[in-house]
Amino acid sequence: MLAYAEDDMEAFETLYQRHKQRIFGFLIKKLKNQNEAEEVFQTIFSKLHLARKKYHKDIPFLPWIFTISRNALIDHVRKRDAYQKIVKTSEVAVKTYSQQAGTATSDHLEITKLSSLTEAQREALEFRFNQGLTFTEIAERMQISTDNSRQIVSRAIRKLRKLMVSKEMDCEKK
């Protein structure tokens, strides 16, 4: 590790070959998902590369890399869980809106939240969560790019999340 900290790329290759299976095995055991494990694995080695100059010779390499691994895993799980919570919240809001749109009575709070979205955002959420369309299918229906459809849904979810957080804060103040 000391050689790698001094920019010796052959030393990195040795470290990588020596520890990649152990680290990837750890991730697979914890995540139980190949794609997620690969994503976190890449993050770990990116963080290792960025932190190589901060390595101290008094710290054994294996505990150090596993600390990086554990922290990267925790960050990944937190982001994944937060994203899933946002998606579920958005699904509920969109379903509530869809169910209530055709009736005379409606939950004013949910309608207010959704009315703060643009028409494109409401339409994209409807396609995504009520009809279960992929971003590519949404793009075709809305006649936009796939990246744009993903961005519209993402922005709508963020906006709904902000509204929910501000509403929760208002409730806590009361």
Protein backbone atom coordinates (compact mmCIF):
# COMPACT_ATOMS: atom_id res chain seq x y z
CA MET A 1 0.00 0.00 0.00
CA LEU A 2 2.88 2.34 0.70
CA ALA A 3 4.15 1.84 -2.85
CA TYR A 4 0.68 2.50 -4.24
CA ALA A 5 0.43 5.65 -2.12
CA GLU A 6 3.54 6.77 -4.01
CA ASP A 7 1.68 6.19 -7.34
CA ASP A 8 3.09 2.74 -8.14
CA MET A 9 0.30 1.26 -10.30
CA GLU A 10 1.85 -2.22 -10.21
CA ALA A 11 1.44 -2.13 -6.44
CA PHE A 12 -2.24 -1.29 -6.94
CA GLU A 13 -2.64 -4.26 -9.27
CA THR A 14 -1.09 -6.52 -6.62
CA LEU A 15 -3.43 -5.16 -3.93
CA TYR A 16 -6.41 -5.50 -6.21
CA GLN A 17 -5.65 -9.09 -7.21
CA ARG A 18 -4.89 -10.07 -3.63
CA HIS A 19 -8.06 -8.65 -2.06
CA LYS A 20 -10.76 -8.40 -4.74
CA GLN A 21 -12.38 -11.78 -4.05
CA ARG A 22 -12.53 -11.24 -0.30
CA ILE A 23 -14.07 -7.78 -0.67
CA PHE A 24 -16.53 -8.84 -3.37
CA GLY A 25 -17.52 -11.89 -1.29
CA PHE A 26 -18.20 -9.61 1.66
CA LEU A 27 -20.44 -7.42 -0.52
CA ILE A 28 -22.35 -10.35 -2.02
CA LYS A 29 -22.92 -11.81 1.44
CA LYS A 30 -24.32 -8.49 2.72
CA LEU A 31 -26.25 -7.28 -0.34
CA LYS A 32 -27.30 -10.60 -1.91
CA ASN A 33 -27.44 -8.81 -5.27
CA GLN A 34 -24.73 -9.09 -7.92
CA ASN A 35 -25.41 -5.70 -9.55
CA GLU A 36 -25.44 -3.81 -6.27
CA ALA A 37 -22.30 -5.60 -5.12
CA GLU A 38 -20.51 -4.66 -8.34
CA GLU A 39 -21.58 -1.03 -7.95
CA VAL A 40 -20.32 -0.81 -4.37
CA PHE A 41 -17.15 -2.73 -5.30
CA GLN A 42 -16.30 -0.06 -7.87
CA THR A 43 -17.01 2.65 -5.31
CA ILE A 44 -14.64 1.01 -2.82
CA PHE A 45 -11.73 0.97 -5.23
CA SER A 46 -12.46 4.52 -6.32
CA LYS A 47 -12.38 5.61 -2.68
CA LEU A 48 -9.19 3.62 -2.14
CA HIS A 49 -7.59 5.42 -5.05
CA LEU A 50 -8.66 8.83 -3.80
CA ALA A 51 -7.52 8.09 -0.23
CA ARG A 52 -4.21 6.41 -1.09
CA LYS A 53 -2.15 9.47 -0.10
CA LYS A 54 -3.80 9.49 3.34
CA TYR A 55 -2.80 5.91 4.16
CA HIS A 56 -0.66 5.56 7.30
CA LYS A 57 1.93 2.80 7.47
CA ASP A 58 0.94 2.05 11.08
CA ILE A 59 -2.51 0.84 9.98
CA PRO A 60 -2.71 -2.68 8.53
CA PHE A 61 -4.08 -2.58 4.99
CA LEU A 62 -6.83 -5.21 5.33
CA PRO A 63 -8.69 -3.54 8.22
CA TRP A 64 -8.30 -0.20 6.44
CA ILE A 65 -9.80 -1.43 3.14
CA PHE A 66 -12.60 -3.20 5.00
CA THR A 67 -13.41 0.02 6.85
CA ILE A 68 -13.72 1.71 3.46
CA SER A 69 -15.81 -1.26 2.27
CA ARG A 70 -18.13 -1.17 5.26
CA ASN A 71 -18.65 2.59 4.95
CA ALA A 72 -19.32 2.34 1.21
CA LEU A 73 -21.80 -0.47 1.87
CA ILE A 74 -23.61 1.57 4.55
CA ASP A 75 -23.79 4.60 2.25
CA HIS A 76 -25.17 2.46 -0.56
CA VAL A 77 -27.84 0.83 1.61
CA ARG A 78 -28.92 4.20 3.03
CA LYS A 79 -29.25 5.71 -0.45
CA ARG A 80 -31.07 2.64 -1.76
CA ASP A 81 -33.50 2.58 1.16
CA ALA A 82 -34.13 6.32 0.94
CA TYR A 83 -34.80 6.01 -2.79
CA GLN A 84 -37.20 3.11 -2.23
CA LYS A 85 -39.04 5.14 0.43
CA ILE A 86 -39.34 8.08 -1.97
CA VAL A 87 -40.63 5.81 -4.72
CA LYS A 88 -43.20 4.21 -2.42
CA THR A 89 -44.34 7.62 -1.18
CA SER A 90 -44.68 8.81 -4.75
CA GLU A 91 -46.58 5.70 -5.75
CA VAL A 92 -49.08 6.31 -2.95
CA ALA A 93 -49.48 9.96 -3.89
CA VAL A 94 -49.96 9.17 -7.57
CA LYS A 95 -52.45 6.38 -6.84
CA THR A 96 -54.35 8.64 -4.45
CA TYR A 97 -54.46 11.35 -7.09
CA SER A 98 -55.59 8.92 -9.78
CA GLN A 99 -58.30 7.41 -7.60
CA GLN A 100 -59.56 10.79 -6.50
CA ALA A 101 -59.36 12.58 -9.82
CA GLY A 102 -62.64 11.04 -10.95
CA THR A 103 -64.55 11.65 -7.73
CA ALA A 104 -66.07 14.77 -6.26
CA THR A 105 -64.47 14.23 -2.85
CA SER A 106 -60.72 14.34 -2.55
CA ASP A 107 -58.01 14.54 0.01
CA HIS A 108 -56.99 18.18 -0.34
CA LEU A 109 -53.43 17.56 0.90
CA GLU A 110 -52.62 14.90 -1.71
CA ILE A 111 -54.18 16.93 -4.53
CA THR A 112 -52.28 20.02 -3.40
CA LYS A 113 -49.02 18.09 -3.47
CA LEU A 114 -49.67 16.76 -6.94
CA SER A 115 -50.97 20.07 -8.24
CA SER A 116 -47.58 21.59 -7.46
CA LEU A 117 -46.12 19.28 -10.11
CA THR A 118 -46.04 20.20 -13.76
CA GLU A 119 -48.40 18.42 -16.13
CA ALA A 120 -45.42 16.51 -17.58
CA GLN A 121 -44.35 15.41 -14.10
CA ARG A 122 -47.84 14.18 -13.19
CA GLU A 123 -48.13 12.37 -16.51
CA ALA A 124 -44.70 10.76 -16.14
CA LEU A 125 -45.49 9.61 -12.58
CA GLU A 126 -48.80 8.19 -13.77
CA PHE A 127 -47.04 6.22 -16.50
CA ARG A 128 -44.26 5.06 -14.19
CA PHE A 129 -46.16 4.05 -11.08
CA ASN A 130 -49.75 3.38 -12.10
CA GLN A 131 -49.07 1.84 -15.48
CA GLY A 132 -45.66 0.39 -14.62
CA LEU A 133 -44.00 1.67 -17.79
CA THR A 134 -40.24 1.76 -18.25
CA PHE A 135 -38.46 5.04 -18.83
CA THR A 136 -38.11 4.10 -22.50
CA GLU A 137 -41.85 3.50 -22.79
CA ILE A 138 -42.58 6.78 -20.99
CA ALA A 139 -40.24 8.56 -23.41
CA GLU A 140 -42.07 7.08 -26.39
CA ARG A 141 -45.47 8.08 -25.04
CA MET A 142 -44.36 11.59 -24.14
CA GLN A 143 -42.23 11.94 -27.28
CA ILE A 144 -39.07 12.82 -25.35
CA SER A 145 -35.71 11.15 -24.76
CA THR A 146 -35.33 8.31 -22.27
CA ASP A 147 -32.93 10.41 -20.20
CA ASN A 148 -35.46 13.24 -20.13
CA SER A 149 -38.23 10.89 -18.95
CA ARG A 150 -35.98 9.64 -16.15
CA GLN A 151 -35.16 13.23 -15.21
CA ILE A 152 -38.82 14.30 -15.15
CA VAL A 153 -39.77 11.40 -12.86
CA SER A 154 -36.76 12.06 -10.63
CA ARG A 155 -37.59 15.76 -10.29
CA ALA A 156 -41.23 14.99 -9.53
CA ILE A 157 -40.22 12.54 -6.80
CA ARG A 158 -37.82 15.08 -5.28
CA LYS A 159 -40.52 17.75 -5.34
CA LEU A 160 -43.04 15.44 -3.64
CA ARG A 161 -40.46 14.46 -1.07
CA LYS A 162 -39.73 18.10 -0.23
CA LEU A 163 -43.43 18.77 0.15
CA MET A 164 -43.85 15.77 2.44
CA VAL A 165 -40.85 16.77 4.57
CA SER A 166 -42.13 20.34 4.92
CA LYS A 167 -45.61 19.05 5.83
CA GLU A 168 -44.10 16.73 8.46
CA MET A 169 -42.17 19.66 9.91
CA ASP A 170 -45.36 21.74 10.03
CA CYS A 171 -47.13 18.91 11.89
CA GLU A 172 -44.26 18.62 14.38
CA LYS A 173 -44.42 22.36 15.11
CA LYS A 174 -48.11 22.05 16.00
